[in-house]
Amino acid sequence: MCTDCGCGDTELVPVEVHERILAGNDRDAAHNRAHFVEYGVFAVNLMGSPGAGKTALLEATARARPGTRIGGVSGDLATDNDARRLSAAGIRAASITTGTACHLDAKMVHHALHDVALADLDLFFIENVGNLVCPAIYDLGQAVNVVALSVTEGEDKPLKYPVMFKAADLVLLTKCDLLPHLQVDVERIREGLAKVMPEPRLIEIAATTGQGIDEWVAWLEERALASGIRRAG
């Protein structure tokens, strides 16, 4: 149980207190968003379970677009392992260590942005803490929400965690190179998403083989253009 947001537990965090927390978070998120817009940086909030392949996806994205100036922050309860992997892949990355908090909030991201030269970036990833619940509740100032869902997590995740998938602009079905070895029906996942996502969109990805990476990057460029930010490619 997260002791910061209370995860909706009204005994741990009363409703009115939680509403004040979210109101304060929204103000910080608006401030972050203003920074991203000012510098023409397309910001992506990447969410998903621990082990869904978020870091591997970002590494593959950097390999696919070496000319794109990519920055990011990586949230974890402990260690900076993911941020060091991103840095090794050429992404200007920093770590946000959250301790007991199972999500990033806008203030954490804002503090991290103090050390980021946004003017030197085209694309900024916020790799959220591995969790399919709380990260969906907190606006961080991003332009889009993307959820990484691994084929090993089960076909029923969209229906079991609807808040996460309802907030998603895109779902990346990761580790699809493992499908020949699993009894997973991708159509069942698509059917679940169709019931919870306002505008269902799924791309099948395999970071190790490059499957789907070009489609993912094209989606990023399309959304960046649609937002008025033209430097994501």
Foldseek 3Di string as FASTA:
>chain_A
DFLPLCLPPCVSPNPVRNVVVQVVLVVLLQVVLVVCVVLLEAEEEEAAAVPLCPLLLLLLLCVVCVPFQEEEEAEECDDPVSQVSNVVSVYNYYYQHDNRHQWDTQVSVVVVCVPPPSNRHHYYYYHIHRDLGPHLSHRNNHLFYEYRGEQVPALCVCVVRLSSLQRHPEYEHEPCVCVVVDPGDVVSNQVSSVVRHPDYYYFYAYSVVGHRSVVVLVVSQVSSVVVVRRRRD
